[in-house]
Amino acid sequence: MDLVEFRRTRLGDALCAFALATMLCAGWAWRDWAALSALQLTDTDDMMRLQQIRDWIAGQGFADLAQHRLGWGAGLEMHWSRLPDLLPATFIVSLTPVVGRHWAELVAVIAWPTLLFAGALCLTTRIARVLGGQAIARTAPLSRRSPFLPRRSSCPDESTITAFRCFCC
């Protein structure tokens, strides 16, 4: 496979992964719209991640991972990194002046898991292509069971992407 064909294949894989992730996440968001539109996320980890992002946007320091509303005194230190908060926070900060805080957060909790899901599908296809060839790569995204639902923004999603990325390198 020459360089041009290799790039075309990777671009095609990425576009297919993005299209599939967008269609599936749109369907899941539509199915759960009643809870999603009220920002009722699936579990406490997802709500806490959104609250961490809100606190950071409101002025809490980047290195200050404490939830001051929890526990005694200075609050409880959270075990998460701020790095996965960068893109959702960017969505929220950039869209808030245009559509308001609620809709900006809603876009963030839908778009961020969708992008993670597209990345996982793309990397799954790449791994399948390396291990099994073209025929296996075509069906690889269909075999991926997804934790990347809209409203899901906790650390297993980022960990899955990191593991896949390490495998591809």
C-alpha atoms as a PDB file:
ATOM      1  CA  MET A   1       0.000   0.000   0.000  1.00  0.00           C
ATOM      2  CA  ASP A   2       1.560   3.304  -1.064  1.00  0.00           C
ATOM      3  CA  LEU A   3       1.407   6.503   0.964  1.00  0.00           C
ATOM      4  CA  VAL A   4      -1.490   8.058  -0.975  1.00  0.00           C
ATOM      5  CA  GLU A   5      -3.645   4.939  -0.630  1.00  0.00           C
ATOM      6  CA  PHE A   6      -2.711   4.662   3.044  1.00  0.00           C
ATOM      7  CA  ARG A   7      -3.820   8.277   3.684  1.00  0.00           C
ATOM      8  CA  ARG A   8      -7.015   7.793   1.684  1.00  0.00           C
ATOM      9  CA  THR A   9      -7.815   4.641   3.685  1.00  0.00           C
ATOM     10  CA  ARG A  10      -7.210   6.399   7.004  1.00  0.00           C
ATOM     11  CA  LEU A  11      -9.324   9.370   5.937  1.00  0.00           C
ATOM     12  CA  GLY A  12     -12.123   7.042   4.811  1.00  0.00           C
ATOM     13  CA  ASP A  13     -11.942   5.150   8.096  1.00  0.00           C
ATOM     14  CA  ALA A  14     -12.098   8.406  10.059  1.00  0.00           C
ATOM     15  CA  LEU A  15     -15.050   9.744   8.045  1.00  0.00           C
ATOM     16  CA  CYS A  16     -16.970   6.468   8.390  1.00  0.00           C
ATOM     17  CA  ALA A  17     -16.249   6.330  12.121  1.00  0.00           C
ATOM     18  CA  PHE A  18     -17.396   9.924  12.579  1.00  0.00           C
ATOM     19  CA  ALA A  19     -20.563   9.345  10.532  1.00  0.00           C
ATOM     20  CA  LEU A  20     -21.444   6.144  12.414  1.00  0.00           C
ATOM     21  CA  ALA A  21     -20.741   7.728  15.807  1.00  0.00           C
ATOM     22  CA  THR A  22     -22.822  10.785  14.908  1.00  0.00           C
ATOM     23  CA  MET A  23     -25.788   8.699  13.756  1.00  0.00           C
ATOM     24  CA  LEU A  24     -25.726   6.408  16.795  1.00  0.00           C
ATOM     25  CA  CYS A  25     -25.241   9.201  19.319  1.00  0.00           C
ATOM     26  CA  ALA A  26     -28.003  11.250  17.683  1.00  0.00           C
ATOM     27  CA  GLY A  27     -30.332   8.269  18.046  1.00  0.00           C
ATOM     28  CA  TRP A  28     -29.339   7.734  21.664  1.00  0.00           C
ATOM     29  CA  ALA A  29     -29.735  11.444  22.430  1.00  0.00           C
ATOM     30  CA  TRP A  30     -33.188  11.478  20.808  1.00  0.00           C
ATOM     31  CA  ARG A  31     -34.218   8.381  22.791  1.00  0.00           C
ATOM     32  CA  ASP A  32     -33.113   9.915  26.114  1.00  0.00           C
ATOM     33  CA  TRP A  33     -34.028  13.527  25.305  1.00  0.00           C
ATOM     34  CA  ALA A  34     -36.365  14.031  28.279  1.00  0.00           C
ATOM     35  CA  ALA A  35     -33.597  13.414  30.814  1.00  0.00           C
ATOM     36  CA  LEU A  36     -30.799  14.751  28.635  1.00  0.00           C
ATOM     37  CA  SER A  37     -32.460  18.109  27.973  1.00  0.00           C
ATOM     38  CA  ALA A  38     -32.725  18.632  31.742  1.00  0.00           C
ATOM     39  CA  LEU A  39     -29.029  17.675  32.093  1.00  0.00           C
ATOM     40  CA  GLN A  40     -29.965  14.643  34.185  1.00  0.00           C
ATOM     41  CA  LEU A  41     -26.865  12.603  33.463  1.00  0.00           C
ATOM     42  CA  THR A  42     -26.597   8.846  33.814  1.00  0.00           C
ATOM     43  CA  ASP A  43     -24.681   8.590  37.064  1.00  0.00           C
ATOM     44  CA  THR A  44     -22.934  10.567  39.765  1.00  0.00           C
ATOM     45  CA  ASP A  45     -19.525  10.401  38.028  1.00  0.00           C
ATOM     46  CA  ASP A  46     -20.941  12.178  34.996  1.00  0.00           C
ATOM     47  CA  MET A  47     -22.642  14.830  37.114  1.00  0.00           C
ATOM     48  CA  MET A  48     -19.471  15.330  39.144  1.00  0.00           C
ATOM     49  CA  ARG A  49     -17.395  15.701  35.958  1.00  0.00           C
ATOM     50  CA  LEU A  50     -19.787  18.373  34.702  1.00  0.00           C
ATOM     51  CA  GLN A  51     -19.642  20.103  38.089  1.00  0.00           C
ATOM     52  CA  GLN A  52     -15.822  20.023  38.008  1.00  0.00           C
ATOM     53  CA  ILE A  53     -15.953  21.739  34.612  1.00  0.00           C
ATOM     54  CA  ARG A  54     -18.459  24.312  35.898  1.00  0.00           C
ATOM     55  CA  ASP A  55     -16.249  25.066  38.911  1.00  0.00           C
ATOM     56  CA  TRP A  56     -13.170  25.437  36.715  1.00  0.00           C
ATOM     57  CA  ILE A  57     -14.987  27.808  34.341  1.00  0.00           C
ATOM     58  CA  ALA A  58     -16.223  29.777  37.372  1.00  0.00           C
ATOM     59  CA  GLY A  59     -12.626  30.394  38.458  1.00  0.00           C
ATOM     60  CA  GLN A  60     -11.432  27.376  40.444  1.00  0.00           C
ATOM     61  CA  GLY A  61      -7.742  26.773  39.758  1.00  0.00           C
ATOM     62  CA  PHE A  62      -6.641  24.259  37.121  1.00  0.00           C
ATOM     63  CA  ALA A  63      -4.650  22.295  39.706  1.00  0.00           C
ATOM     64  CA  ASP A  64      -7.346  22.576  42.405  1.00  0.00           C
ATOM     65  CA  LEU A  65      -9.334  19.360  42.007  1.00  0.00           C
ATOM     66  CA  ALA A  66     -11.220  19.658  45.301  1.00  0.00           C
ATOM     67  CA  GLN A  67     -14.985  19.642  45.436  1.00  0.00           C
ATOM     68  CA  HIS A  68     -15.499  22.215  48.169  1.00  0.00           C
ATOM     69  CA  ARG A  69     -19.193  21.392  48.548  1.00  0.00           C
ATOM     70  CA  LEU A  70     -18.316  17.825  49.632  1.00  0.00           C
ATOM     71  CA  GLY A  71     -16.807  16.624  52.893  1.00  0.00           C
ATOM     72  CA  TRP A  72     -15.582  18.660  55.845  1.00  0.00           C
ATOM     73  CA  GLY A  73     -13.542  21.838  55.755  1.00  0.00           C
ATOM     74  CA  ALA A  74     -11.690  22.247  52.458  1.00  0.00           C
ATOM     75  CA  GLY A  75     -13.756  19.620  50.653  1.00  0.00           C
ATOM     76  CA  LEU A  76     -12.724  16.388  48.995  1.00  0.00           C
ATOM     77  CA  GLU A  77      -9.967  16.011  46.431  1.00  0.00           C
ATOM     78  CA  MET A  78     -11.179  14.361  43.232  1.00  0.00           C
ATOM     79  CA  HIS A  79      -8.991  11.769  41.524  1.00  0.00           C
ATOM     80  CA  TRP A  80      -9.577  13.030  37.981  1.00  0.00           C
ATOM     81  CA  SER A  81      -7.277  14.985  35.761  1.00  0.00           C
ATOM     82  CA  ARG A  82      -8.353  18.316  34.294  1.00  0.00           C
ATOM     83  CA  LEU A  83      -6.992  17.359  30.870  1.00  0.00           C
ATOM     84  CA  PRO A  84     -10.175  15.565  29.704  1.00  0.00           C
ATOM     85  CA  ASP A  85     -12.104  18.674  30.790  1.00  0.00           C
ATOM     86  CA  LEU A  86     -10.383  20.891  28.219  1.00  0.00           C
ATOM     87  CA  LEU A  87     -12.606  20.176  25.213  1.00  0.00           C
ATOM     88  CA  PRO A  88     -15.969  20.119  27.031  1.00  0.00           C
ATOM     89  CA  ALA A  89     -14.980  23.358  28.787  1.00  0.00           C
ATOM     90  CA  THR A  90     -14.072  24.847  25.409  1.00  0.00           C
ATOM     91  CA  PHE A  91     -17.520  23.921  24.075  1.00  0.00           C
ATOM     92  CA  ILE A  92     -19.204  25.502  27.078  1.00  0.00           C
ATOM     93  CA  VAL A  93     -17.130  28.692  27.171  1.00  0.00           C
ATOM     94  CA  SER A  94     -17.341  29.330  23.433  1.00  0.00           C
ATOM     95  CA  LEU A  95     -21.056  28.543  23.044  1.00  0.00           C
ATOM     96  CA  THR A  96     -22.404  30.212  26.194  1.00  0.00           C
ATOM     97  CA  PRO A  97     -22.454  33.742  24.710  1.00  0.00           C
ATOM     98  CA  VAL A  98     -24.255  32.430  21.627  1.00  0.00           C
ATOM     99  CA  VAL A  99     -26.842  29.953  22.960  1.00  0.00           C
ATOM    100  CA  GLY A 100     -26.746  30.351  26.754  1.00  0.00           C
ATOM    101  CA  ARG A 101     -25.210  28.252  29.509  1.00  0.00           C
ATOM    102  CA  HIS A 102     -27.767  25.412  29.527  1.00  0.00           C
ATOM    103  CA  TRP A 103     -27.584  24.761  25.778  1.00  0.00           C
ATOM    104  CA  ALA A 104     -23.795  25.073  25.775  1.00  0.00           C
ATOM    105  CA  GLU A 105     -23.560  22.409  28.484  1.00  0.00           C
ATOM    106  CA  LEU A 106     -26.054  20.263  26.596  1.00  0.00           C
ATOM    107  CA  VAL A 107     -23.935  20.484  23.439  1.00  0.00           C
ATOM    108  CA  ALA A 108     -20.852  19.565  25.472  1.00  0.00           C
ATOM    109  CA  VAL A 109     -22.430  16.471  27.059  1.00  0.00           C
ATOM    110  CA  ILE A 110     -23.578  15.268  23.632  1.00  0.00           C
ATOM    111  CA  ALA A 111     -20.629  16.279  21.430  1.00  0.00           C
ATOM    112  CA  TRP A 112     -17.739  15.184  23.675  1.00  0.00           C
ATOM    113  CA  PRO A 113     -18.841  11.521  24.040  1.00  0.00           C
ATOM    114  CA  THR A 114     -19.656  11.492  20.314  1.00  0.00           C
ATOM    115  CA  LEU A 115     -16.114  12.588  19.460  1.00  0.00           C
ATOM    116  CA  LEU A 116     -14.664  10.011  21.860  1.00  0.00           C
ATOM    117  CA  PHE A 117     -16.859   7.328  20.297  1.00  0.00           C
ATOM    118  CA  ALA A 118     -15.728   8.315  16.785  1.00  0.00           C
ATOM    119  CA  GLY A 119     -12.112   8.106  17.940  1.00  0.00           C
ATOM    120  CA  ALA A 120     -12.687   4.662  19.439  1.00  0.00           C
ATOM    121  CA  LEU A 121     -14.362   3.432  16.236  1.00  0.00           C
ATOM    122  CA  CYS A 122     -11.550   4.816  14.105  1.00  0.00           C
ATOM    123  CA  LEU A 123      -8.877   3.220  16.283  1.00  0.00           C
ATOM    124  CA  THR A 124     -10.800  -0.083  16.401  1.00  0.00           C
ATOM    125  CA  THR A 125     -10.866  -0.106  12.606  1.00  0.00           C
ATOM    126  CA  ARG A 126      -7.161   0.692  12.416  1.00  0.00           C
ATOM    127  CA  ILE A 127      -6.293  -2.107  14.831  1.00  0.00           C
ATOM    128  CA  ALA A 128      -8.492  -4.534  12.881  1.00  0.00           C
ATOM    129  CA  ARG A 129      -6.894  -3.455   9.601  1.00  0.00           C
ATOM    130  CA  VAL A 130      -3.391  -4.085  10.972  1.00  0.00           C
ATOM    131  CA  LEU A 131      -4.301  -7.432  12.551  1.00  0.00           C
ATOM    132  CA  GLY A 132      -6.813  -8.847  10.082  1.00  0.00           C
ATOM    133  CA  GLY A 133      -6.673  -6.908   6.842  1.00  0.00           C
ATOM    134  CA  GLN A 134      -9.278  -5.088   4.785  1.00  0.00           C
ATOM    135  CA  ALA A 135     -12.137  -7.575   5.201  1.00  0.00           C
ATOM    136  CA  ILE A 136     -11.970  -7.502   8.991  1.00  0.00           C
ATOM    137  CA  ALA A 137     -11.558  -3.710   9.108  1.00  0.00           C
ATOM    138  CA  ARG A 138     -14.913  -3.165   7.372  1.00  0.00           C
ATOM    139  CA  THR A 139     -16.849  -4.904  10.140  1.00  0.00           C
ATOM    140  CA  ALA A 140     -14.731  -3.876  13.147  1.00  0.00           C
ATOM    141  CA  PRO A 141     -16.745  -0.756  14.100  1.00  0.00           C
ATOM    142  CA  LEU A 142     -19.924  -2.817  14.234  1.00  0.00           C
ATOM    143  CA  SER A 143     -18.454  -5.090  16.892  1.00  0.00           C
ATOM    144  CA  ARG A 144     -17.635  -2.234  19.265  1.00  0.00           C
ATOM    145  CA  ARG A 145     -19.892  -2.114  22.311  1.00  0.00           C
ATOM    146  CA  SER A 146     -20.153   1.523  23.302  1.00  0.00           C
ATOM    147  CA  PRO A 147     -19.772   3.162  26.687  1.00  0.00           C
ATOM    148  CA  PHE A 148     -19.748   6.472  24.758  1.00  0.00           C
ATOM    149  CA  LEU A 149     -23.362   7.456  25.231  1.00  0.00           C
ATOM    150  CA  PRO A 150     -24.486  11.062  25.329  1.00  0.00           C
ATOM    151  CA  ARG A 151     -24.434  12.108  28.990  1.00  0.00           C
ATOM    152  CA  ARG A 152     -21.431   9.825  29.607  1.00  0.00           C
ATOM    153  CA  SER A 153     -18.332  11.899  30.142  1.00  0.00           C
ATOM    154  CA  SER A 154     -16.402  10.109  32.834  1.00  0.00           C
ATOM    155  CA  CYS A 155     -12.926   8.646  32.784  1.00  0.00           C
ATOM    156  CA  PRO A 156     -13.562   5.154  31.258  1.00  0.00           C
ATOM    157  CA  ASP A 157     -14.136   6.863  27.904  1.00  0.00           C
ATOM    158  CA  GLU A 158     -10.785   8.648  27.902  1.00  0.00           C
ATOM    159  CA  SER A 159      -9.046   5.523  29.232  1.00  0.00           C
ATOM    160  CA  THR A 160     -10.412   3.435  26.367  1.00  0.00           C
ATOM    161  CA  ILE A 161      -9.132   5.927  23.802  1.00  0.00           C
ATOM    162  CA  THR A 162      -5.726   6.042  25.490  1.00  0.00           C
ATOM    163  CA  ALA A 163      -5.455   2.246  25.514  1.00  0.00           C
ATOM    164  CA  PHE A 164      -6.441   2.011  21.837  1.00  0.00           C
ATOM    165  CA  ARG A 165      -3.981   4.754  20.928  1.00  0.00           C
ATOM    166  CA  CYS A 166      -1.158   2.968  22.757  1.00  0.00           C
ATOM    167  CA  PHE A 167      -1.967  -0.220  20.886  1.00  0.00           C
ATOM    168  CA  CYS A 168      -1.835   1.569  17.510  1.00  0.00           C
ATOM    169  CA  CYS A 169       1.588   3.126  18.088  1.00  0.00           C
END
